[in-house]
C-alpha atoms as a PDB file:
ATOM      1  CA  MET A   1     -20.581  50.563   6.592  1.00  0.00           C
ATOM      2  CA  LYS A   2     -17.170  51.389   5.914  1.00  0.00           C
ATOM      3  CA  ASP A   3     -15.810  50.643   9.247  1.00  0.00           C
ATOM      4  CA  THR A   4     -17.910  47.365   9.154  1.00  0.00           C
ATOM      5  CA  ARG A   5     -16.101  46.369   5.712  1.00  0.00           C
ATOM      6  CA  GLU A   6     -12.673  47.380   7.341  1.00  0.00           C
ATOM      7  CA  ASN A   7     -13.571  45.208  10.312  1.00  0.00           C
ATOM      8  CA  LYS A   8     -14.350  42.283   7.967  1.00  0.00           C
ATOM      9  CA  LEU A   9     -11.059  42.785   6.174  1.00  0.00           C
ATOM     10  CA  GLY A  10      -9.160  43.114   9.613  1.00  0.00           C
ATOM     11  CA  ILE A  11     -10.508  39.734  10.899  1.00  0.00           C
ATOM     12  CA  ALA A  12      -9.595  37.853   7.379  1.00  0.00           C
ATOM     13  CA  PHE A  13      -6.175  39.299   7.560  1.00  0.00           C
ATOM     14  CA  ARG A  14      -5.586  38.272  11.151  1.00  0.00           C
ATOM     15  CA  GLY A  15      -7.131  34.851  10.265  1.00  0.00           C
ATOM     16  CA  SER A  16      -4.692  34.372   7.100  1.00  0.00           C
ATOM     17  CA  LEU A  17      -1.714  35.321   9.722  1.00  0.00           C
ATOM     18  CA  ILE A  18      -2.918  32.480  12.248  1.00  0.00           C
ATOM     19  CA  ALA A  19      -3.350  29.882   9.606  1.00  0.00           C
ATOM     20  CA  ALA A  20       0.273  31.048   8.279  1.00  0.00           C
ATOM     21  CA  ALA A  21       1.602  30.716  11.759  1.00  0.00           C
ATOM     22  CA  ALA A  22       0.120  27.449  12.337  1.00  0.00           C
ATOM     23  CA  LEU A  23       1.451  26.036   9.303  1.00  0.00           C
ATOM     24  CA  LEU A  24       5.031  27.144  10.195  1.00  0.00           C
ATOM     25  CA  LEU A  25       4.479  25.753  13.891  1.00  0.00           C
ATOM     26  CA  PHE A  26       2.632  22.515  13.231  1.00  0.00           C
ATOM     27  CA  GLY A  27       3.257  21.540   9.373  1.00  0.00           C
ATOM     28  CA  CYS A  28       0.946  20.985   6.730  1.00  0.00           C
ATOM     29  CA  PRO A  29      -0.817  17.830   7.828  1.00  0.00           C
ATOM     30  CA  TRP A  30      -2.292  19.821  10.448  1.00  0.00           C
ATOM     31  CA  LEU A  31      -4.046  21.970   7.999  1.00  0.00           C
ATOM     32  CA  CYS A  32      -4.201  20.070   4.866  1.00  0.00           C
ATOM     33  CA  GLY A  33      -4.905  16.471   6.175  1.00  0.00           C
ATOM     34  CA  PRO A  34      -2.815  13.468   5.127  1.00  0.00           C
ATOM     35  CA  ASP A  35      -1.943  12.888   1.442  1.00  0.00           C
ATOM     36  CA  THR A  36      -3.435   9.773  -0.227  1.00  0.00           C
ATOM     37  CA  VAL A  37      -2.985   7.764  -3.190  1.00  0.00           C
ATOM     38  CA  THR A  38      -5.259   5.006  -4.511  1.00  0.00           C
ATOM     39  CA  ILE A  39      -3.503   2.102  -6.421  1.00  0.00           C
ATOM     40  CA  GLY A  40      -5.726   0.256  -8.808  1.00  0.00           C
ATOM     41  CA  PHE A  41      -4.575  -1.677 -11.865  1.00  0.00           C
ATOM     42  CA  GLY A  42      -6.975  -0.189 -14.486  1.00  0.00           C
ATOM     43  CA  SER A  43      -4.288   1.344 -16.132  1.00  0.00           C
ATOM     44  CA  LEU A  44      -2.388  -1.538 -16.987  1.00  0.00           C
ATOM     45  CA  THR A  45      -3.138  -3.925 -19.983  1.00  0.00           C
ATOM     46  CA  ASN A  46      -5.310  -7.003 -19.186  1.00  0.00           C
ATOM     47  CA  GLY A  47      -3.332 -10.316 -19.639  1.00  0.00           C
ATOM     48  CA  THR A  48       0.251  -8.486 -19.164  1.00  0.00           C
ATOM     49  CA  VAL A  49       2.591 -10.816 -17.246  1.00  0.00           C
ATOM     50  CA  TYR A  50       5.325  -9.605 -15.152  1.00  0.00           C
ATOM     51  CA  HIS A  51       8.627 -11.682 -13.620  1.00  0.00           C
ATOM     52  CA  VAL A  52      10.734 -11.125 -10.799  1.00  0.00           C
ATOM     53  CA  GLY A  53      12.727  -7.985 -11.339  1.00  0.00           C
ATOM     54  CA  ASP A  54      10.250  -6.357 -13.716  1.00  0.00           C
ATOM     55  CA  SER A  55       8.555  -2.986 -12.451  1.00  0.00           C
ATOM     56  CA  PHE A  56       5.660  -0.702 -13.271  1.00  0.00           C
ATOM     57  CA  THR A  57       4.207   2.659 -11.741  1.00  0.00           C
ATOM     58  CA  VAL A  58       0.470   2.944 -10.841  1.00  0.00           C
ATOM     59  CA  GLY A  59      -0.956   5.939  -8.923  1.00  0.00           C
ATOM     60  CA  GLU A  60       2.575   7.617  -8.886  1.00  0.00           C
ATOM     61  CA  VAL A  61       3.787   4.774  -6.837  1.00  0.00           C
ATOM     62  CA  THR A  62       6.276   2.536  -8.061  1.00  0.00           C
ATOM     63  CA  VAL A  63       5.742  -1.313  -7.909  1.00  0.00           C
ATOM     64  CA  LYS A  64       8.435  -3.940  -8.104  1.00  0.00           C
ATOM     65  CA  VAL A  65       8.050  -7.740  -8.763  1.00  0.00           C
ATOM     66  CA  LEU A  66      10.036  -9.593  -6.114  1.00  0.00           C
ATOM     67  CA  PRO A  67      11.183 -13.306  -5.057  1.00  0.00           C
ATOM     68  CA  PHE A  68       8.746 -15.035  -2.865  1.00  0.00           C
ATOM     69  CA  GLN A  69       9.278 -17.497   0.264  1.00  0.00           C
ATOM     70  CA  TRP A  70       7.448 -20.809   0.451  1.00  0.00           C
ATOM     71  CA  SER A  71       6.391 -22.044   3.642  1.00  0.00           C
ATOM     72  CA  ASN A  72       9.381 -24.138   4.159  1.00  0.00           C
ATOM     73  CA  THR A  73      11.640 -21.033   3.721  1.00  0.00           C
ATOM     74  CA  THR A  74      12.795 -21.799   0.256  1.00  0.00           C
ATOM     75  CA  ILE A  75      13.169 -18.768  -1.716  1.00  0.00           C
ATOM     76  CA  THR A  76      11.951 -18.668  -5.649  1.00  0.00           C
ATOM     77  CA  SER A  77      12.285 -16.278  -8.150  1.00  0.00           C
ATOM     78  CA  GLY A  78      10.362 -18.275 -10.639  1.00  0.00           C
ATOM     79  CA  GLY A  79       6.798 -16.866  -9.997  1.00  0.00           C
ATOM     80  CA  SER A  80       5.045 -14.413 -11.953  1.00  0.00           C
ATOM     81  CA  LEU A  81       2.325 -11.319 -11.779  1.00  0.00           C
ATOM     82  CA  THR A  82      -0.609 -11.458 -14.180  1.00  0.00           C
ATOM     83  CA  VAL A  83      -2.986  -8.715 -14.910  1.00  0.00           C
ATOM     84  CA  ASP A  84      -6.512  -9.990 -15.224  1.00  0.00           C
ATOM     85  CA  ASP A  85     -10.249  -9.210 -15.059  1.00  0.00           C
ATOM     86  CA  GLN A  86     -11.399 -12.361 -13.258  1.00  0.00           C
ATOM     87  CA  LEU A  87     -12.502  -9.885 -10.125  1.00  0.00           C
ATOM     88  CA  ARG A  88     -11.104 -12.518  -7.640  1.00  0.00           C
ATOM     89  CA  ALA A  89     -10.154  -9.675  -5.293  1.00  0.00           C
ATOM     90  CA  GLY A  90     -13.653  -8.748  -5.198  1.00  0.00           C
ATOM     91  CA  GLU A  91     -13.345  -5.573  -6.900  1.00  0.00           C
ATOM     92  CA  GLN A  92     -14.356  -4.145 -10.444  1.00  0.00           C
ATOM     93  CA  GLY A  93     -12.079  -3.971 -13.545  1.00  0.00           C
ATOM     94  CA  LEU A  94      -8.609  -5.218 -13.303  1.00  0.00           C
ATOM     95  CA  ASP A  95      -6.598  -6.603 -10.492  1.00  0.00           C
ATOM     96  CA  VAL A  96      -3.460  -8.664 -10.349  1.00  0.00           C
ATOM     97  CA  ASN A  97      -2.850 -12.283  -9.599  1.00  0.00           C
ATOM     98  CA  LEU A  98       0.392 -12.654  -7.616  1.00  0.00           C
ATOM     99  CA  ASN A  99       1.467 -16.400  -8.376  1.00  0.00           C
ATOM    100  CA  THR A 100       4.456 -17.338  -6.080  1.00  0.00           C
ATOM    101  CA  VAL A 101       5.848 -13.591  -5.912  1.00  0.00           C
ATOM    102  CA  CYS A 102       5.823 -10.759  -4.032  1.00  0.00           C
ATOM    103  CA  LEU A 103       5.189  -6.951  -4.831  1.00  0.00           C
ATOM    104  CA  GLY A 104       7.029  -4.139  -3.403  1.00  0.00           C
ATOM    105  CA  PHE A 105       5.515  -0.798  -3.264  1.00  0.00           C
ATOM    106  CA  ASP A 106       7.679   2.342  -3.106  1.00  0.00           C
ATOM    107  CA  VAL A 107       5.732   5.618  -2.191  1.00  0.00           C
ATOM    108  CA  GLY A 108       8.815   7.513  -1.902  1.00  0.00           C
ATOM    109  CA  ASP A 109       8.076   8.741   1.631  1.00  0.00           C
ATOM    110  CA  ASP A 110       7.121   7.450   5.014  1.00  0.00           C
ATOM    111  CA  VAL A 111       3.535   5.912   5.246  1.00  0.00           C
ATOM    112  CA  ASP A 112       1.146   5.986   7.866  1.00  0.00           C
ATOM    113  CA  SER A 113      -1.509   3.592   6.606  1.00  0.00           C
ATOM    114  CA  VAL A 114      -2.546   0.906   3.956  1.00  0.00           C
ATOM    115  CA  SER A 115      -5.785  -0.652   3.192  1.00  0.00           C
ATOM    116  CA  LEU A 116      -6.504  -3.141   0.080  1.00  0.00           C
ATOM    117  CA  LYS A 117      -8.709  -5.888  -1.064  1.00  0.00           C
ATOM    118  CA  PHE A 118      -7.647  -9.295  -1.686  1.00  0.00           C
ATOM    119  CA  GLY A 119      -8.713 -12.945  -2.610  1.00  0.00           C
ATOM    120  CA  GLU A 120      -6.330 -15.718  -0.956  1.00  0.00           C
ATOM    121  CA  TYR A 121      -7.038 -19.144  -2.671  1.00  0.00           C
ATOM    122  CA  GLY A 122      -4.144 -21.332  -1.374  1.00  0.00           C
ATOM    123  CA  GLY A 123      -0.547 -21.525  -0.400  1.00  0.00           C
ATOM    124  CA  ASN A 124       1.320 -19.103   1.859  1.00  0.00           C
ATOM    125  CA  ILE A 125       1.473 -15.484   2.339  1.00  0.00           C
ATOM    126  CA  ASN A 126       4.658 -12.821   2.720  1.00  0.00           C
ATOM    127  CA  VAL A 127       4.465  -9.560   3.997  1.00  0.00           C
ATOM    128  CA  GLN A 128       6.949  -7.037   4.990  1.00  0.00           C
ATOM    129  CA  THR A 129       6.794  -3.866   6.641  1.00  0.00           C
ATOM    130  CA  ASN A 130       9.875  -1.825   7.898  1.00  0.00           C
ATOM    131  CA  ASP A 131      12.396  -4.752   8.786  1.00  0.00           C
ATOM    132  CA  ASP A 132       9.705  -7.187   9.723  1.00  0.00           C
ATOM    133  CA  PHE A 133       9.263 -10.112   7.467  1.00  0.00           C
ATOM    134  CA  VAL A 134       6.130 -12.505   8.150  1.00  0.00           C
ATOM    135  CA  ASN A 135       5.867 -15.898   6.134  1.00  0.00           C
ATOM    136  CA  GLN A 136       2.809 -17.711   7.283  1.00  0.00           C
ATOM    137  CA  ALA A 137      -0.339 -19.469   5.805  1.00  0.00           C
ATOM    138  CA  ASP A 138      -2.477 -16.748   5.676  1.00  0.00           C
ATOM    139  CA  PHE A 139      -3.369 -13.065   6.571  1.00  0.00           C
ATOM    140  CA  TYR A 140      -5.740 -13.915   9.763  1.00  0.00           C
ATOM    141  CA  GLY A 141      -3.719 -13.834  13.125  1.00  0.00           C
ATOM    142  CA  MET A 142      -0.699 -12.068  11.414  1.00  0.00           C
ATOM    143  CA  VAL A 143       1.276  -9.823  13.733  1.00  0.00           C
ATOM    144  CA  LEU A 144       3.754  -6.899  12.544  1.00  0.00           C
ATOM    145  CA  PRO A 145       5.641  -5.191  15.146  1.00  0.00           C
ATOM    146  CA  GLY A 146       4.370  -1.426  15.668  1.00  0.00           C
ATOM    147  CA  ILE A 147       1.526  -1.815  12.870  1.00  0.00           C
ATOM    148  CA  SER A 148      -2.006  -2.256  13.951  1.00  0.00           C
ATOM    149  CA  LEU A 149      -3.786  -4.742  11.774  1.00  0.00           C
ATOM    150  CA  THR A 150      -7.299  -5.323  10.899  1.00  0.00           C
ATOM    151  CA  ILE A 151      -8.187  -8.311   8.745  1.00  0.00           C
ATOM    152  CA  THR A 152     -11.887  -8.689   7.481  1.00  0.00           C
ATOM    153  CA  ASP A 153     -13.425 -11.559   5.883  1.00  0.00           C
ATOM    154  CA  LEU A 154     -15.700 -10.838   3.227  1.00  0.00           C
ATOM    155  CA  GLY A 155     -16.586 -14.278   2.268  1.00  0.00           C
ATOM    156  CA  SER A 156     -15.662 -16.644  -0.592  1.00  0.00           C
ATOM    157  CA  SER A 157     -11.838 -16.532   0.297  1.00  0.00           C
ATOM    158  CA  MET A 158     -12.027 -12.681  -0.287  1.00  0.00           C
ATOM    159  CA  GLY A 159     -11.128 -10.028   2.592  1.00  0.00           C
ATOM    160  CA  SER A 160      -9.666  -6.756   3.320  1.00  0.00           C
ATOM    161  CA  ILE A 161      -6.698  -5.591   4.990  1.00  0.00           C
ATOM    162  CA  ALA A 162      -6.041  -2.255   6.934  1.00  0.00           C
ATOM    163  CA  ALA A 163      -2.762  -1.618   8.457  1.00  0.00           C
ATOM    164  CA  GLU A 164      -1.959   1.577  10.746  1.00  0.00           C
ATOM    165  CA  GLY A 165       1.382   2.628  11.648  1.00  0.00           C
ATOM    166  CA  ALA A 166       4.668   3.957  10.578  1.00  0.00           C
ATOM    167  CA  MET A 167       6.060   2.272   7.434  1.00  0.00           C
ATOM    168  CA  SER A 168       9.521   3.448   6.275  1.00  0.00           C
ATOM    169  CA  ARG A 169      11.216   2.667   3.132  1.00  0.00           C
ATOM    170  CA  SER A 170      13.385  -0.674   3.987  1.00  0.00           C
ATOM    171  CA  PRO A 171      15.326  -2.977   2.128  1.00  0.00           C
ATOM    172  CA  PHE A 172      13.534  -6.260   1.155  1.00  0.00           C
ATOM    173  CA  ALA A 173      14.283  -8.926   3.319  1.00  0.00           C
ATOM    174  CA  LEU A 174      14.706 -11.662   0.660  1.00  0.00           C
ATOM    175  CA  ASP A 175      16.855  -9.553  -1.569  1.00  0.00           C
ATOM    176  CA  ALA A 176      18.294  -6.390   0.003  1.00  0.00           C
ATOM    177  CA  VAL A 177      19.411  -5.024  -3.520  1.00  0.00           C
ATOM    178  CA  ALA A 178      16.200  -5.133  -4.866  1.00  0.00           C
ATOM    179  CA  GLY A 179      15.529  -1.919  -3.570  1.00  0.00           C
ATOM    180  CA  ASP A 180      13.731  -0.319  -0.778  1.00  0.00           C
ATOM    181  CA  PHE A 181       9.751  -0.535  -0.158  1.00  0.00           C
ATOM    182  CA  ASN A 182       7.213   0.650   2.193  1.00  0.00           C
ATOM    183  CA  PHE A 183       5.489  -2.673   2.265  1.00  0.00           C
ATOM    184  CA  VAL A 184       5.570  -5.707   0.543  1.00  0.00           C
ATOM    185  CA  ILE A 185       3.039  -8.194   0.013  1.00  0.00           C
ATOM    186  CA  GLY A 186       3.052 -11.916  -1.522  1.00  0.00           C
ATOM    187  CA  GLY A 187       1.366 -15.057  -2.120  1.00  0.00           C
ATOM    188  CA  GLN A 188       0.780 -18.195  -4.173  1.00  0.00           C
ATOM    189  CA  GLU A 189      -2.562 -17.752  -5.254  1.00  0.00           C
ATOM    190  CA  LEU A 190      -3.212 -14.068  -4.462  1.00  0.00           C
ATOM    191  CA  TRP A 191      -5.164 -11.454  -5.745  1.00  0.00           C
ATOM    192  CA  ILE A 192      -5.029  -7.950  -4.817  1.00  0.00           C
ATOM    193  CA  ASP A 193      -6.806  -4.702  -5.546  1.00  0.00           C
ATOM    194  CA  ASP A 194      -7.961  -1.160  -4.419  1.00  0.00           C
ATOM    195  CA  ILE A 195      -4.663  -0.269  -2.210  1.00  0.00           C
ATOM    196  CA  ILE A 196      -5.301   2.899  -0.454  1.00  0.00           C
ATOM    197  CA  VAL A 197      -1.994   4.557   1.033  1.00  0.00           C
ATOM    198  CA  GLU A 198      -1.945   7.486   3.480  1.00  0.00           C
ATOM    199  CA  TRP A 199       1.181   9.416   4.496  1.00  0.00           C
END
């Protein structure tokens, strides 16, 4: 019986050594899996309005309200972001309405994937990952270099976006001094919620 216990202890010890060696050789992601944060807006106050230059924190992620580019390439800082409970992104609780503004998300590290729910009810869309800025009528058919995009139509002007690929912190294309962001999304009549980020 004593030999059996000693054998089990020896096996457990060797297993710990192997795990430690793997951690040193391959890093934590191989053992621990990706870090994930869900960005919802339930911690914000319903009815709050943010303007260009304002920032707030949700899910330990810094979010900043940024200028927006119209479809004719004119840049405006006159829009606003409103926290509301209209559920126009298709989720429960509070979401945010982007009214001619962009939102920049700074995770503080490189990002591997982003997904979110949206409701898009008019106007054009701005999106930036890395140094690539896109301005187009809607999300469908959007191409971002180095990023695999899946846009799913959920009906009633709502949908979901899943983006996979390296997203480094980069200066905002419309205002380089505004800060560095992993990804930026903007719209004229756009609601977003349930943002999931992995890195």
